[in-house]
């Protein structure tokens, strides 16, 4: 005889009961199926999300990193630079504006 592991989570869904009932009625799901489907749907949504931990180097160090990045990439969007270097988007934008004014980037 095969042993089956089950995980049961006691969750108070009192405030969501109307939502669950409507989903179950429209989708013809049991409450358990509705919750499993919602989890599956949410998992598909978050599966592709990349979490970026933002670093906060001083402006000089960030500028050096950005210039180094641009040497190895002929073109890049501000958001790409920020994401790949894990820098704040506004900081990268400000540095790029300054570098453009100085004629160091186009």
C-alpha atoms as a PDB file:
ATOM      1  CA  UNK A   1       0.000   0.000   0.000  1.00  0.00           C
ATOM      2  CA  UNK A   2       1.386   3.399  -1.048  1.00  0.00           C
ATOM      3  CA  UNK A   3       1.650   6.180   1.514  1.00  0.00           C
ATOM      4  CA  UNK A   4       0.400   9.581   0.348  1.00  0.00           C
ATOM      5  CA  UNK A   5       1.676  12.758   1.959  1.00  0.00           C
ATOM      6  CA  UNK A   6      -0.803  15.584   2.274  1.00  0.00           C
ATOM      7  CA  UNK A   7      -0.276  19.143   3.313  1.00  0.00           C
ATOM      8  CA  UNK A   8      -3.202  20.898   4.900  1.00  0.00           C
ATOM      9  CA  UNK A   9      -2.970  24.586   5.749  1.00  0.00           C
ATOM     10  CA  UNK A  10      -5.479  26.063   8.176  1.00  0.00           C
ATOM     11  CA  UNK A  11      -6.343  29.400   6.613  1.00  0.00           C
ATOM     12  CA  UNK A  12      -9.173  31.725   7.599  1.00  0.00           C
ATOM     13  CA  UNK A  13     -10.921  32.689   4.363  1.00  0.00           C
ATOM     14  CA  UNK A  14     -13.998  34.188   6.007  1.00  0.00           C
ATOM     15  CA  UNK A  15     -13.497  37.601   4.404  1.00  0.00           C
ATOM     16  CA  UNK A  16     -13.032  36.016   0.948  1.00  0.00           C
ATOM     17  CA  UNK A  17     -15.953  33.576   1.058  1.00  0.00           C
ATOM     18  CA  UNK A  18     -18.100  35.595  -1.379  1.00  0.00           C
ATOM     19  CA  UNK A  19     -15.220  35.740  -3.868  1.00  0.00           C
ATOM     20  CA  UNK A  20     -14.547  32.010  -3.527  1.00  0.00           C
ATOM     21  CA  UNK A  21     -18.228  31.182  -3.906  1.00  0.00           C
ATOM     22  CA  UNK A  22     -18.486  33.294  -7.063  1.00  0.00           C
ATOM     23  CA  UNK A  23     -15.378  31.702  -8.581  1.00  0.00           C
ATOM     24  CA  UNK A  24     -16.691  28.231  -7.762  1.00  0.00           C
ATOM     25  CA  UNK A  25     -20.102  29.000  -9.237  1.00  0.00           C
ATOM     26  CA  UNK A  26     -18.733  30.506 -12.475  1.00  0.00           C
ATOM     27  CA  UNK A  27     -15.906  28.015 -12.990  1.00  0.00           C
ATOM     28  CA  UNK A  28     -17.822  25.013 -11.649  1.00  0.00           C
ATOM     29  CA  UNK A  29     -14.938  24.232  -9.279  1.00  0.00           C
ATOM     30  CA  UNK A  30     -14.985  22.962  -5.745  1.00  0.00           C
ATOM     31  CA  UNK A  31     -13.461  25.366  -3.230  1.00  0.00           C
ATOM     32  CA  UNK A  32     -10.351  23.196  -3.022  1.00  0.00           C
ATOM     33  CA  UNK A  33     -10.026  23.174  -6.838  1.00  0.00           C
ATOM     34  CA  UNK A  34     -10.489  26.942  -6.954  1.00  0.00           C
ATOM     35  CA  UNK A  35      -7.709  27.474  -4.415  1.00  0.00           C
ATOM     36  CA  UNK A  36      -5.375  25.032  -6.209  1.00  0.00           C
ATOM     37  CA  UNK A  37      -6.096  26.748  -9.551  1.00  0.00           C
ATOM     38  CA  UNK A  38      -5.451  30.175  -8.013  1.00  0.00           C
ATOM     39  CA  UNK A  39      -2.126  28.991  -6.620  1.00  0.00           C
ATOM     40  CA  UNK A  40      -1.166  27.478  -9.968  1.00  0.00           C
ATOM     41  CA  UNK A  41      -2.126  30.679 -11.785  1.00  0.00           C
ATOM     42  CA  UNK A  42      -0.181  32.836  -9.323  1.00  0.00           C
ATOM     43  CA  UNK A  43       2.837  30.540  -9.590  1.00  0.00           C
ATOM     44  CA  UNK A  44       2.858  30.932 -13.389  1.00  0.00           C
ATOM     45  CA  UNK A  45       2.706  34.700 -12.924  1.00  0.00           C
ATOM     46  CA  UNK A  46       5.635  34.925 -10.496  1.00  0.00           C
ATOM     47  CA  UNK A  47       7.771  32.202 -12.072  1.00  0.00           C
ATOM     48  CA  UNK A  48       9.323  34.597 -14.573  1.00  0.00           C
ATOM     49  CA  UNK A  49       9.850  37.496 -12.182  1.00  0.00           C
ATOM     50  CA  UNK A  50      13.466  38.341 -11.484  1.00  0.00           C
ATOM     51  CA  UNK A  51      14.149  39.909  -8.095  1.00  0.00           C
ATOM     52  CA  UNK A  52      16.919  42.488  -8.135  1.00  0.00           C
ATOM     53  CA  UNK A  53      18.627  43.577  -4.940  1.00  0.00           C
ATOM     54  CA  UNK A  54      19.486  47.260  -5.419  1.00  0.00           C
ATOM     55  CA  UNK A  55      22.988  48.298  -4.382  1.00  0.00           C
ATOM     56  CA  UNK A  56      23.813  51.871  -3.377  1.00  0.00           C
ATOM     57  CA  UNK A  57      27.386  52.704  -4.350  1.00  0.00           C
ATOM     58  CA  UNK A  58      28.466  56.338  -4.294  1.00  0.00           C
ATOM     59  CA  UNK A  59      28.064  58.291  -7.536  1.00  0.00           C
ATOM     60  CA  UNK A  60      31.743  58.014  -8.544  1.00  0.00           C
ATOM     61  CA  UNK A  61      31.770  54.229  -8.178  1.00  0.00           C
ATOM     62  CA  UNK A  62      28.414  53.894  -9.950  1.00  0.00           C
ATOM     63  CA  UNK A  63      29.685  56.089 -12.787  1.00  0.00           C
ATOM     64  CA  UNK A  64      32.771  53.873 -13.199  1.00  0.00           C
ATOM     65  CA  UNK A  65      30.577  50.772 -13.285  1.00  0.00           C
ATOM     66  CA  UNK A  66      28.259  52.328 -15.862  1.00  0.00           C
ATOM     67  CA  UNK A  67      31.153  53.407 -18.096  1.00  0.00           C
ATOM     68  CA  UNK A  68      32.666  49.921 -17.845  1.00  0.00           C
ATOM     69  CA  UNK A  69      29.288  48.388 -18.693  1.00  0.00           C
ATOM     70  CA  UNK A  70      28.905  50.661 -21.717  1.00  0.00           C
ATOM     71  CA  UNK A  71      32.358  49.708 -23.010  1.00  0.00           C
ATOM     72  CA  UNK A  72      31.227  46.098 -23.302  1.00  0.00           C
ATOM     73  CA  UNK A  73      27.728  46.910 -24.620  1.00  0.00           C
ATOM     74  CA  UNK A  74      27.413  49.138 -27.667  1.00  0.00           C
ATOM     75  CA  UNK A  75      23.798  50.031 -26.848  1.00  0.00           C
ATOM     76  CA  UNK A  76      21.737  49.653 -23.699  1.00  0.00           C
ATOM     77  CA  UNK A  77      18.552  50.981 -22.209  1.00  0.00           C
ATOM     78  CA  UNK A  78      18.804  52.766 -18.882  1.00  0.00           C
ATOM     79  CA  UNK A  79      16.655  50.052 -17.306  1.00  0.00           C
ATOM     80  CA  UNK A  80      18.999  47.317 -18.609  1.00  0.00           C
ATOM     81  CA  UNK A  81      22.011  49.037 -17.081  1.00  0.00           C
ATOM     82  CA  UNK A  82      20.196  49.509 -13.782  1.00  0.00           C
ATOM     83  CA  UNK A  83      18.993  45.895 -13.697  1.00  0.00           C
ATOM     84  CA  UNK A  84      22.289  44.291 -14.642  1.00  0.00           C
ATOM     85  CA  UNK A  85      24.391  46.465 -12.331  1.00  0.00           C
ATOM     86  CA  UNK A  86      21.754  46.310  -9.569  1.00  0.00           C
ATOM     87  CA  UNK A  87      21.625  50.104  -9.344  1.00  0.00           C
ATOM     88  CA  UNK A  88      18.717  52.436  -8.711  1.00  0.00           C
ATOM     89  CA  UNK A  89      17.115  53.475 -12.003  1.00  0.00           C
ATOM     90  CA  UNK A  90      17.013  57.163 -11.049  1.00  0.00           C
ATOM     91  CA  UNK A  91      20.691  57.090 -10.084  1.00  0.00           C
ATOM     92  CA  UNK A  92      21.626  55.501 -13.427  1.00  0.00           C
ATOM     93  CA  UNK A  93      19.508  58.013 -15.319  1.00  0.00           C
ATOM     94  CA  UNK A  94      21.123  60.946 -13.507  1.00  0.00           C
ATOM     95  CA  UNK A  95      24.613  59.629 -14.185  1.00  0.00           C
ATOM     96  CA  UNK A  96      23.822  59.023 -17.861  1.00  0.00           C
ATOM     97  CA  UNK A  97      22.492  62.587 -18.224  1.00  0.00           C
ATOM     98  CA  UNK A  98      25.698  63.911 -16.648  1.00  0.00           C
ATOM     99  CA  UNK A  99      27.885  61.699 -18.875  1.00  0.00           C
ATOM    100  CA  UNK A 100      25.953  62.839 -21.956  1.00  0.00           C
ATOM    101  CA  UNK A 101      26.417  66.487 -20.991  1.00  0.00           C
ATOM    102  CA  UNK A 102      30.151  65.795 -20.639  1.00  0.00           C
ATOM    103  CA  UNK A 103      30.175  64.125 -24.068  1.00  0.00           C
ATOM    104  CA  UNK A 104      31.207  60.745 -22.647  1.00  0.00           C
ATOM    105  CA  UNK A 105      28.092  58.909 -23.879  1.00  0.00           C
ATOM    106  CA  UNK A 106      25.527  59.461 -26.600  1.00  0.00           C
END
